[in-house]
């Protein structure tokens, strides 16, 4: 499997994780004030997931540009 294909597969996984975290944050917000103590933890995990996804997408763009 090429680096580009591997990175695309990784992006797919990261995208699914980011979407899951987004939904977890959304669900938490709908349940407030229950579990308000978890806001920062879930928010940080969501931010981390989207940061990893953005970094992977940037790396893919760079690889595709080099391959072209």
N, C-alpha and C. Protein backbone atom coordinates (compact mmCIF):
# COMPACT_ATOMS: atom_id res chain seq x y z
N UNK A 1 0.85 -1.17 0.00
CA UNK A 1 0.00 0.00 0.00
C UNK A 1 0.89 1.24 0.00
N UNK A 2 0.60 2.19 -0.86
CA UNK A 2 1.42 3.39 -0.95
C UNK A 2 1.20 4.29 0.26
N UNK A 3 2.11 5.25 0.41
CA UNK A 3 1.97 6.21 1.51
C UNK A 3 0.67 6.99 1.39
N UNK A 4 0.31 7.35 0.17
CA UNK A 4 -0.92 8.12 -0.04
C UNK A 4 -2.13 7.29 0.34
N UNK A 5 -2.16 6.03 -0.08
CA UNK A 5 -3.28 5.15 0.26
C UNK A 5 -3.36 4.93 1.76
N UNK A 6 -2.22 4.75 2.40
CA UNK A 6 -2.18 4.56 3.85
C UNK A 6 -2.71 5.79 4.57
N UNK A 7 -2.29 6.95 4.09
CA UNK A 7 -2.73 8.19 4.71
C UNK A 7 -4.23 8.41 4.51
N UNK A 8 -4.73 8.04 3.34
CA UNK A 8 -6.18 8.15 3.09
C UNK A 8 -6.96 7.24 4.05
N UNK A 9 -6.45 6.05 4.29
CA UNK A 9 -7.10 5.14 5.23
C UNK A 9 -7.05 5.71 6.64
N UNK A 10 -5.93 6.30 7.00
CA UNK A 10 -5.80 6.92 8.32
C UNK A 10 -6.75 8.10 8.46
N UNK A 11 -6.89 8.89 7.41
CA UNK A 11 -7.81 10.03 7.43
C UNK A 11 -9.24 9.55 7.63
N UNK A 12 -9.58 8.45 7.01
CA UNK A 12 -10.93 7.90 7.17
C UNK A 12 -11.19 7.54 8.63
N UNK A 13 -10.21 6.91 9.28
CA UNK A 13 -10.33 6.55 10.68
C UNK A 13 -10.41 7.80 11.56
N UNK A 14 -9.54 8.77 11.27
CA UNK A 14 -9.53 10.01 12.06
C UNK A 14 -10.84 10.78 11.89
N UNK A 15 -11.37 10.76 10.69
CA UNK A 15 -12.64 11.45 10.43
C UNK A 15 -13.77 10.81 11.23
N UNK A 16 -13.78 9.49 11.27
CA UNK A 16 -14.81 8.79 12.06
C UNK A 16 -14.66 9.11 13.54
N UNK A 17 -13.43 9.15 14.01
CA UNK A 17 -13.19 9.47 15.43
C UNK A 17 -13.62 10.90 15.73
N UNK A 18 -13.29 11.83 14.84
CA UNK A 18 -13.67 13.23 15.05
C UNK A 18 -15.19 13.38 15.07
N UNK A 19 -15.85 12.69 14.19
CA UNK A 19 -17.31 12.75 14.15
C UNK A 19 -17.91 12.18 15.43
N UNK A 20 -17.35 11.09 15.90
CA UNK A 20 -17.81 10.50 17.16
C UNK A 20 -17.62 11.47 18.32
N UNK A 21 -16.47 12.12 18.37
CA UNK A 21 -16.21 13.07 19.44
C UNK A 21 -17.15 14.27 19.35
N UNK A 22 -17.42 14.71 18.14
CA UNK A 22 -18.36 15.82 17.94
C UNK A 22 -19.73 15.45 18.49
N UNK A 23 -20.17 14.25 18.21
CA UNK A 23 -21.47 13.80 18.70
C UNK A 23 -21.46 13.63 20.22
N UNK A 24 -20.35 13.18 20.78
CA UNK A 24 -20.24 13.07 22.23
C UNK A 24 -20.37 14.44 22.89
N UNK A 25 -19.72 15.43 22.28
CA UNK A 25 -19.80 16.79 22.80
C UNK A 25 -21.22 17.33 22.67
N UNK A 26 -21.84 17.06 21.55
CA UNK A 26 -23.23 17.48 21.33
C UNK A 26 -24.16 16.83 22.35
N UNK A 27 -24.01 15.53 22.55
CA UNK A 27 -24.85 14.81 23.51
C UNK A 27 -24.65 15.37 24.92
N UNK A 28 -23.41 15.65 25.26
CA UNK A 28 -23.12 16.21 26.58
C UNK A 28 -23.82 17.56 26.74
N UNK A 29 -23.79 18.38 25.71
CA UNK A 29 -24.41 19.70 25.81
C UNK A 29 -25.92 19.59 25.98
N UNK A 30 -26.52 18.59 25.38
CA UNK A 30 -27.96 18.42 25.52
C UNK A 30 -28.37 17.91 26.90
N UNK A 31 -27.43 17.27 27.59
CA UNK A 31 -27.73 16.70 28.91
C UNK A 31 -27.44 17.67 30.05
N UNK A 32 -26.85 18.81 29.74
CA UNK A 32 -26.49 19.76 30.79
C UNK A 32 -27.71 20.15 31.60
N UNK A 33 -27.56 20.31 32.89
CA UNK A 33 -26.34 20.40 33.68
C UNK A 33 -25.78 19.06 34.17
N UNK A 34 -26.40 17.95 33.77
CA UNK A 34 -25.86 16.65 34.16
C UNK A 34 -24.49 16.48 33.50
N UNK A 35 -23.55 15.96 34.25
CA UNK A 35 -22.17 15.69 33.78
C UNK A 35 -21.42 16.93 33.31
N UNK A 36 -21.76 18.09 33.83
CA UNK A 36 -21.06 19.30 33.43
C UNK A 36 -19.56 19.22 33.71
N UNK A 37 -19.18 18.36 34.65
CA UNK A 37 -17.76 18.21 35.01
C UNK A 37 -16.94 17.64 33.84
N UNK A 38 -17.60 17.02 32.89
CA UNK A 38 -16.90 16.39 31.77
C UNK A 38 -16.71 17.32 30.57
N UNK A 39 -17.20 18.54 30.66
CA UNK A 39 -17.14 19.44 29.51
C UNK A 39 -15.72 19.61 28.99
N UNK A 40 -14.80 19.94 29.86
CA UNK A 40 -13.42 20.22 29.42
C UNK A 40 -12.74 18.97 28.85
N UNK A 41 -12.99 17.83 29.45
CA UNK A 41 -12.39 16.58 28.97
C UNK A 41 -12.88 16.23 27.57
N UNK A 42 -14.19 16.26 27.39
CA UNK A 42 -14.76 15.92 26.08
C UNK A 42 -14.37 16.96 25.04
N UNK A 43 -14.38 18.23 25.45
CA UNK A 43 -14.00 19.30 24.51
C UNK A 43 -12.54 19.14 24.07
N UNK A 44 -11.65 18.80 25.00
CA UNK A 44 -10.24 18.61 24.65
C UNK A 44 -10.05 17.41 23.73
N UNK A 45 -10.76 16.33 24.01
CA UNK A 45 -10.67 15.15 23.15
C UNK A 45 -11.19 15.46 21.75
N UNK A 46 -12.24 16.27 21.67
CA UNK A 46 -12.79 16.66 20.37
C UNK A 46 -11.79 17.53 19.62
N UNK A 47 -11.20 18.49 20.33
CA UNK A 47 -10.20 19.35 19.71
C UNK A 47 -9.00 18.53 19.21
N UNK A 48 -8.55 17.60 20.01
CA UNK A 48 -7.42 16.75 19.62
C UNK A 48 -7.75 15.92 18.38
N UNK A 49 -8.97 15.39 18.33
CA UNK A 49 -9.37 14.58 17.18
C UNK A 49 -9.38 15.41 15.90
N UNK A 50 -9.92 16.61 15.98
CA UNK A 50 -9.97 17.46 14.78
C UNK A 50 -8.58 17.99 14.40
N UNK A 51 -7.73 18.23 15.38
CA UNK A 51 -6.36 18.65 15.08
C UNK A 51 -5.60 17.54 14.35
N UNK A 52 -5.77 16.31 14.81
CA UNK A 52 -5.11 15.17 14.15
C UNK A 52 -5.64 14.99 12.73
N UNK A 53 -6.94 15.16 12.56
CA UNK A 53 -7.55 15.04 11.22
C UNK A 53 -7.02 16.13 10.30
N UNK A 54 -6.95 17.35 10.77
CA UNK A 54 -6.44 18.45 9.96
C UNK A 54 -4.98 18.23 9.58
N UNK A 55 -4.17 17.76 10.51
CA UNK A 55 -2.77 17.50 10.23
C UNK A 55 -2.61 16.40 9.18
N UNK A 56 -3.42 15.37 9.28
CA UNK A 56 -3.35 14.27 8.30
C UNK A 56 -3.79 14.75 6.92
N UNK A 57 -4.81 15.56 6.87
CA UNK A 57 -5.26 16.10 5.57
C UNK A 57 -4.18 16.99 4.95
N UNK A 58 -3.50 17.77 5.76
CA UNK A 58 -2.41 18.61 5.27
C UNK A 58 -1.28 17.74 4.73
N UNK A 59 -0.94 16.69 5.47
CA UNK A 59 0.13 15.79 5.03
C UNK A 59 -0.24 15.11 3.72
N UNK A 60 -1.50 14.74 3.56
CA UNK A 60 -1.96 14.12 2.32
C UNK A 60 -1.83 15.08 1.15
N UNK A 61 -2.23 16.33 1.36
CA UNK A 61 -2.09 17.33 0.29
C UNK A 61 -0.64 17.47 -0.14
N UNK A 62 0.25 17.50 0.83
CA UNK A 62 1.68 17.64 0.53
C UNK A 62 2.20 16.42 -0.24
N UNK A 63 1.78 15.22 0.17
CA UNK A 63 2.20 14.01 -0.54
C UNK A 63 1.67 13.98 -1.96
N UNK A 64 0.42 14.37 -2.12
CA UNK A 64 -0.19 14.37 -3.45
C UNK A 64 0.49 15.41 -4.35
N UNK A 65 0.88 16.54 -3.78
CA UNK A 65 1.56 17.57 -4.56
C UNK A 65 2.92 17.08 -5.02
N UNK A 66 3.62 16.35 -4.16
CA UNK A 66 4.94 15.81 -4.52
C UNK A 66 4.81 14.73 -5.59
N UNK A 67 3.72 13.96 -5.52
CA UNK A 67 3.51 12.86 -6.46
C UNK A 67 3.10 13.35 -7.84
N UNK A 68 2.56 14.55 -7.89
CA UNK A 68 2.06 15.09 -9.17
C UNK A 68 3.15 15.58 -10.07
